[in-house]
């Protein structure tokens, strides 16, 4: 994922016109492991760039993921990035959705959380 992020404008670690440390700029979502087993499809269109990720929900740094990649489900991520200019300053807006088939904690079972009915 570090290689993928390094190709993203503004967060590529350039240091002069971009962030020097990518860890400060890359979004921390908790749903994309730093090392993944899967695939990425990117389509550059005008004006947006659309990316589809399909990957194992756990980090591929764990050898169990490589040996049995279908044991815990699959994660799908779809994102759209659109360049914008506001008051002469260039930037990007990104919309991302993530769905996983991995079993996890049902937040309704955590009594400390105050969730709406």
Protein backbone atom coordinates (compact mmCIF):
# COMPACT_ATOMS: atom_id res chain seq x y z
CA UNK A 1 0.00 0.00 0.00
CA UNK A 2 2.95 2.31 0.52
CA UNK A 3 3.84 1.95 -3.18
CA UNK A 4 0.26 2.76 -4.17
CA UNK A 5 0.08 5.79 -1.89
CA UNK A 6 3.42 7.07 -3.17
CA UNK A 7 1.81 7.55 -6.59
CA UNK A 8 -1.02 9.65 -5.16
CA UNK A 9 -0.70 13.42 -5.61
CA UNK A 10 -0.14 15.41 -2.40
CA UNK A 11 0.76 12.42 -0.20
CA UNK A 12 3.62 10.94 -2.16
CA UNK A 13 6.39 11.93 0.23
CA UNK A 14 8.02 14.44 -2.11
CA UNK A 15 8.76 16.86 0.70
CA UNK A 16 8.86 20.08 -1.32
CA UNK A 17 5.35 20.40 -2.74
CA UNK A 18 3.88 17.45 -0.88
CA UNK A 19 4.01 15.81 2.53
CA UNK A 20 7.47 14.60 3.49
CA UNK A 21 6.10 11.82 5.69
CA UNK A 22 3.32 9.87 4.01
CA UNK A 23 2.11 8.55 7.38
CA UNK A 24 0.82 12.04 8.19
CA UNK A 25 -1.21 12.31 5.00
CA UNK A 26 -2.46 8.81 4.16
CA UNK A 27 -5.94 8.21 5.57
CA UNK A 28 -6.02 5.83 8.52
CA UNK A 29 -9.21 3.85 8.10
CA UNK A 30 -8.40 0.59 9.86
CA UNK A 31 -9.80 -1.36 6.91
CA UNK A 32 -6.80 -1.38 4.58
CA UNK A 33 -3.78 -3.34 5.79
CA UNK A 34 -0.29 -2.01 4.96
CA UNK A 35 0.59 -5.25 3.13
CA UNK A 36 -2.22 -6.84 1.22
CA UNK A 37 -2.96 -9.81 -0.95
CA UNK A 38 -5.37 -8.81 -3.67
CA UNK A 39 -5.75 -6.63 -6.70
CA UNK A 40 -6.25 -3.02 -7.70
CA UNK A 41 -7.90 -1.66 -10.81
CA UNK A 42 -7.60 2.07 -11.53
CA UNK A 43 -9.40 3.88 -14.33
CA UNK A 44 -8.40 7.44 -15.08
CA UNK A 45 -11.28 9.30 -16.66
CA UNK A 46 -12.09 12.95 -17.07
CA UNK A 47 -12.46 14.42 -14.49
CA UNK A 48 -12.26 11.61 -11.91
CA UNK A 49 -10.00 8.66 -11.15
CA UNK A 50 -11.89 5.55 -10.02
CA UNK A 51 -10.15 2.75 -8.12
CA UNK A 52 -11.43 -0.70 -7.16
CA UNK A 53 -9.54 -2.75 -4.57
CA UNK A 54 -10.32 -6.41 -3.85
CA UNK A 55 -8.15 -7.87 -1.10
CA UNK A 56 -7.85 -10.13 1.93
CA UNK A 57 -8.99 -8.28 5.08
CA UNK A 58 -5.87 -9.20 7.09
CA UNK A 59 -2.31 -8.04 6.47
CA UNK A 60 -0.41 -10.26 4.02
CA UNK A 61 2.60 -9.88 6.31
CA UNK A 62 1.08 -12.89 8.12
CA UNK A 63 2.03 -16.07 6.21
CA UNK A 64 -1.41 -17.61 6.97
CA UNK A 65 -2.93 -15.09 4.57
CA UNK A 66 -0.67 -16.27 1.74
CA UNK A 67 -1.28 -19.96 2.46
CA UNK A 68 -5.10 -19.72 2.62
CA UNK A 69 -6.27 -16.40 1.15
CA UNK A 70 -9.99 -17.22 1.33
CA UNK A 71 -10.20 -18.23 4.99
CA UNK A 72 -11.52 -14.95 6.48
CA UNK A 73 -13.44 -13.31 3.70
CA UNK A 74 -12.70 -10.58 1.21
CA UNK A 75 -12.75 -6.78 1.28
CA UNK A 76 -14.05 -4.58 -1.54
CA UNK A 77 -13.14 -0.90 -1.72
CA UNK A 78 -14.32 1.56 -4.36
CA UNK A 79 -13.01 5.13 -4.42
CA UNK A 80 -13.31 8.18 -6.64
CA UNK A 81 -10.80 11.02 -6.64
CA UNK A 82 -11.62 14.35 -8.26
CA UNK A 83 -9.13 17.22 -8.61
CA UNK A 84 -10.49 20.58 -7.42
CA UNK A 85 -9.19 24.14 -7.39
CA UNK A 86 -10.42 26.47 -4.65
CA UNK A 87 -9.23 30.09 -4.70
CA UNK A 88 -6.32 29.14 -6.94
CA UNK A 89 -5.16 26.29 -4.70
CA UNK A 90 -5.12 22.81 -6.20
CA UNK A 91 -6.37 19.85 -4.21
CA UNK A 92 -8.37 16.65 -4.38
CA UNK A 93 -11.68 15.39 -3.04
CA UNK A 94 -12.06 11.67 -2.45
CA UNK A 95 -15.11 9.52 -1.79
CA UNK A 96 -14.52 5.94 -0.67
CA UNK A 97 -16.74 3.03 0.28
CA UNK A 98 -15.53 -0.22 1.86
CA UNK A 99 -17.39 -3.50 2.42
CA UNK A 100 -15.95 -6.69 3.90
CA UNK A 101 -17.30 -10.21 4.30
CA UNK A 102 -14.96 -10.82 7.26
CA UNK A 103 -16.69 -11.65 10.55
CA UNK A 104 -16.15 -8.99 13.17
CA UNK A 105 -17.49 -7.56 16.39
CA UNK A 106 -21.14 -6.57 16.38
CA UNK A 107 -21.08 -3.10 17.91
CA UNK A 108 -24.54 -3.71 19.36
CA UNK A 109 -22.89 -6.28 21.68
CA UNK A 110 -20.59 -3.66 23.24
CA UNK A 111 -22.52 -2.22 26.21
CA UNK A 112 -20.15 0.76 26.62
CA UNK A 113 -21.23 2.20 23.26
CA UNK A 114 -24.32 4.35 23.19
CA UNK A 115 -25.78 3.53 19.81
CA UNK A 116 -29.13 4.83 18.52
CA UNK A 117 -32.01 2.36 18.55
